C-alpha atoms as a PDB file:
ATOM      1  CA  MET A   1      46.533  34.156 -15.157  1.00  0.00           C
ATOM      2  CA  PRO A   2      44.323  36.457 -13.063  1.00  0.00           C
ATOM      3  CA  THR A   3      45.930  38.149 -10.138  1.00  0.00           C
ATOM      4  CA  GLN A   4      42.722  38.253  -8.105  1.00  0.00           C
ATOM      5  CA  VAL A   5      40.112  35.657  -7.228  1.00  0.00           C
ATOM      6  CA  ASN A   6      36.558  36.865  -7.549  1.00  0.00           C
ATOM      7  CA  THR A   7      35.169  35.404  -4.326  1.00  0.00           C
ATOM      8  CA  ASP A   8      31.673  36.649  -5.128  1.00  0.00           C
ATOM      9  CA  ALA A   9      31.676  34.641  -8.373  1.00  0.00           C
ATOM     10  CA  VAL A  10      33.000  31.545  -6.579  1.00  0.00           C
ATOM     11  CA  LYS A  11      30.342  31.928  -3.883  1.00  0.00           C
ATOM     12  CA  ALA A  12      27.582  32.331  -6.499  1.00  0.00           C
ATOM     13  CA  ALA A  13      28.773  29.239  -8.418  1.00  0.00           C
ATOM     14  CA  ALA A  14      28.946  27.142  -5.251  1.00  0.00           C
ATOM     15  CA  LYS A  15      25.509  28.372  -4.113  1.00  0.00           C
ATOM     16  CA  ALA A  16      23.994  27.482  -7.510  1.00  0.00           C
ATOM     17  CA  ILE A  17      25.350  23.930  -7.282  1.00  0.00           C
ATOM     18  CA  PHE A  18      24.199  23.580  -3.667  1.00  0.00           C
ATOM     19  CA  ASP A  19      20.725  24.989  -4.423  1.00  0.00           C
ATOM     20  CA  LYS A  20      20.295  22.507  -7.285  1.00  0.00           C
ATOM     21  CA  ARG A  21      21.242  19.603  -5.000  1.00  0.00           C
ATOM     22  CA  VAL A  22      18.856  20.813  -2.275  1.00  0.00           C
ATOM     23  CA  ASP A  23      16.039  21.136  -4.822  1.00  0.00           C
ATOM     24  CA  VAL A  24      16.501  17.488  -5.836  1.00  0.00           C
ATOM     25  CA  VAL A  25      16.425  16.336  -2.203  1.00  0.00           C
ATOM     26  CA  VAL A  26      13.195  18.282  -1.672  1.00  0.00           C
ATOM     27  CA  GLN A  27      11.707  16.620  -4.768  1.00  0.00           C
ATOM     28  CA  ILE A  28      12.709  13.206  -3.408  1.00  0.00           C
ATOM     29  CA  ALA A  29      11.063  14.001  -0.069  1.00  0.00           C
ATOM     30  CA  GLN A  30       7.881  15.171  -1.820  1.00  0.00           C
ATOM     31  CA  ALA A  31       7.753  12.014  -3.965  1.00  0.00           C
ATOM     32  CA  HIS A  32       8.257   9.868  -0.877  1.00  0.00           C
ATOM     33  CA  GLN A  33       5.422  11.638   0.925  1.00  0.00           C
ATOM     34  CA  HIS A  34       3.192  11.213  -2.134  1.00  0.00           C
ATOM     35  CA  LYS A  35       3.926   7.454  -2.088  1.00  0.00           C
ATOM     36  CA  LEU A  36       3.182   7.226   1.638  1.00  0.00           C
ATOM     37  CA  ASP A  37      -0.136   9.037   1.104  1.00  0.00           C
ATOM     38  CA  ALA A  38      -1.018   6.764  -1.829  1.00  0.00           C
ATOM     39  CA  ASP A  39      -0.136   3.642   0.191  1.00  0.00           C
ATOM     40  CA  ALA A  40      -2.360   4.817   3.055  1.00  0.00           C
ATOM     41  CA  ALA A  41      -5.218   5.575   0.650  1.00  0.00           C
ATOM     42  CA  ALA A  42      -4.839   2.150  -0.980  1.00  0.00           C
ATOM     43  CA  ALA A  43      -4.922   0.443   2.435  1.00  0.00           C
ATOM     44  CA  ASP A  44      -8.060   2.401   3.360  1.00  0.00           C
ATOM     45  CA  ALA A  45      -9.708   1.436   0.063  1.00  0.00           C
ATOM     46  CA  GLU A  46      -8.771  -2.223   0.567  1.00  0.00           C
ATOM     47  CA  ARG A  47     -10.295  -2.228   4.067  1.00  0.00           C
ATOM     48  CA  ALA A  48     -13.481  -0.573   2.791  1.00  0.00           C
ATOM     49  CA  HIS A  49     -13.723  -3.042  -0.096  1.00  0.00           C
ATOM     50  CA  ALA A  50     -13.292  -5.993   2.267  1.00  0.00           C
ATOM     51  CA  ALA A  51     -15.912  -4.596   4.646  1.00  0.00           C
ATOM     52  CA  VAL A  52     -18.582  -4.084   1.989  1.00  0.00           C
ATOM     53  CA  TRP A  53     -17.804  -7.441   0.373  1.00  0.00           C
ATOM     54  CA  ALA A  54     -18.317  -9.094   3.777  1.00  0.00           C
ATOM     55  CA  ALA A  55     -21.554  -7.113   4.185  1.00  0.00           C
ATOM     56  CA  GLY A  56     -22.732  -8.436   0.818  1.00  0.00           C
ATOM     57  CA  LEU A  57     -22.030 -11.997   1.926  1.00  0.00           C
ATOM     58  CA  ARG A  58     -23.902 -11.396   5.190  1.00  0.00           C
ATOM     59  CA  GLU A  59     -26.872 -10.108   3.183  1.00  0.00           C
ATOM     60  CA  GLY A  60     -27.078 -13.430   1.401  1.00  0.00           C
ATOM     61  CA  TRP A  61     -25.025 -12.955  -1.740  1.00  0.00           C
ATOM     62  CA  THR A  62     -22.638 -15.776  -2.556  1.00  0.00           C
ATOM     63  CA  GLU A  63     -19.106 -15.265  -3.793  1.00  0.00           C
ATOM     64  CA  ALA A  64     -20.086 -16.984  -7.047  1.00  0.00           C
ATOM     65  CA  GLU A  65     -23.007 -14.575  -7.552  1.00  0.00           C
ATOM     66  CA  LEU A  66     -20.868 -11.529  -6.886  1.00  0.00           C
ATOM     67  CA  LYS A  67     -18.088 -12.781  -9.126  1.00  0.00           C
ATOM     68  CA  GLY A  68     -20.728 -13.587 -11.770  1.00  0.00           C
ATOM     69  CA  MET A  69     -21.530  -9.872 -11.852  1.00  0.00           C
ATOM     70  CA  ASP A  70     -17.854  -9.184 -12.616  1.00  0.00           C
ATOM     71  CA  LEU A  71     -17.216  -8.011  -9.063  1.00  0.00           C
ATOM     72  CA  VAL A  72     -13.742  -8.767  -7.800  1.00  0.00           C
ATOM     73  CA  PRO A  73     -13.300 -10.000  -4.235  1.00  0.00           C
ATOM     74  CA  PRO A  74     -10.982  -8.019  -1.988  1.00  0.00           C
ATOM     75  CA  GLY A  75      -7.376  -9.046  -1.682  1.00  0.00           C
ATOM     76  CA  ARG A  76      -7.691  -9.685   2.014  1.00  0.00           C
ATOM     77  CA  LYS A  77     -10.339 -10.876   4.369  1.00  0.00           C
ATOM     78  CA  GLY A  78     -12.783  -8.508   6.017  1.00  0.00           C
ATOM     79  CA  PRO A  79     -12.888  -7.674   9.676  1.00  0.00           C
ATOM     80  CA  GLY A  80     -13.844 -10.378  12.116  1.00  0.00           C
ATOM     81  CA  ARG A  81     -12.481 -13.440  13.764  1.00  0.00           C
ATOM     82  CA  PRO A  82      -9.856 -15.364  11.839  1.00  0.00           C
ATOM     83  CA  ALA A  83     -10.823 -18.871  10.788  1.00  0.00           C
ATOM     84  CA  ARG A  84      -9.647 -21.618  13.096  1.00  0.00           C
ATOM     85  CA  LYS A  85      -7.012 -23.909  11.736  1.00  0.00           C
ATOM     86  CA  ARG A  86      -7.781 -27.574  11.986  1.00  0.00           C
ATOM     87  CA  SER A  87      -5.106 -29.698  13.549  1.00  0.00           C
ATOM     88  CA  ALA A  88      -3.721 -32.691  11.661  1.00  0.00           C
ATOM     89  CA  ARG A  89      -5.187 -34.989  14.315  1.00  0.00           C
ATOM     90  CA  ALA A  90      -8.695 -33.518  13.990  1.00  0.00           C
ATOM     91  CA  SER A  91      -8.674 -33.716  10.185  1.00  0.00           C
ATOM     92  CA  ALA A  92      -7.319 -37.289  10.226  1.00  0.00           C
ATOM     93  CA  GLY A  93     -10.138 -38.373  12.529  1.00  0.00           C
ATOM     94  CA  ASN A  94     -12.853 -36.961  10.262  1.00  0.00           C
ATOM     95  CA  GLY A  95     -12.718 -39.764   7.682  1.00  0.00           C
ATOM     96  CA  ALA A  96     -15.634 -42.034   6.861  1.00  0.00           C
ATOM     97  CA  THR A  97     -16.614 -44.435   9.585  1.00  0.00           C
ATOM     98  CA  PRO A  98     -16.669 -48.142   8.673  1.00  0.00           C
END
């Protein structure tokens, strides 16, 4: 059994373990930031896609025509006013008149 503790060796071993743990936390933070950047870029691309799709519809293209050219509609609606929801009363009153 040694009669002396090599505190420098203990310090170096502890520092190596700590440095490795810190490195992993930094990698996690970098990966998280990369995901946040990718999410923001995807949201920007989705907004741009919706805007140009809406522009195509305003220029006279139909959804069927665009889809017929293998173009995929955006996942969400373009900018503008949301469609009004019809109430149950209004839709019930729109039947054929006798």
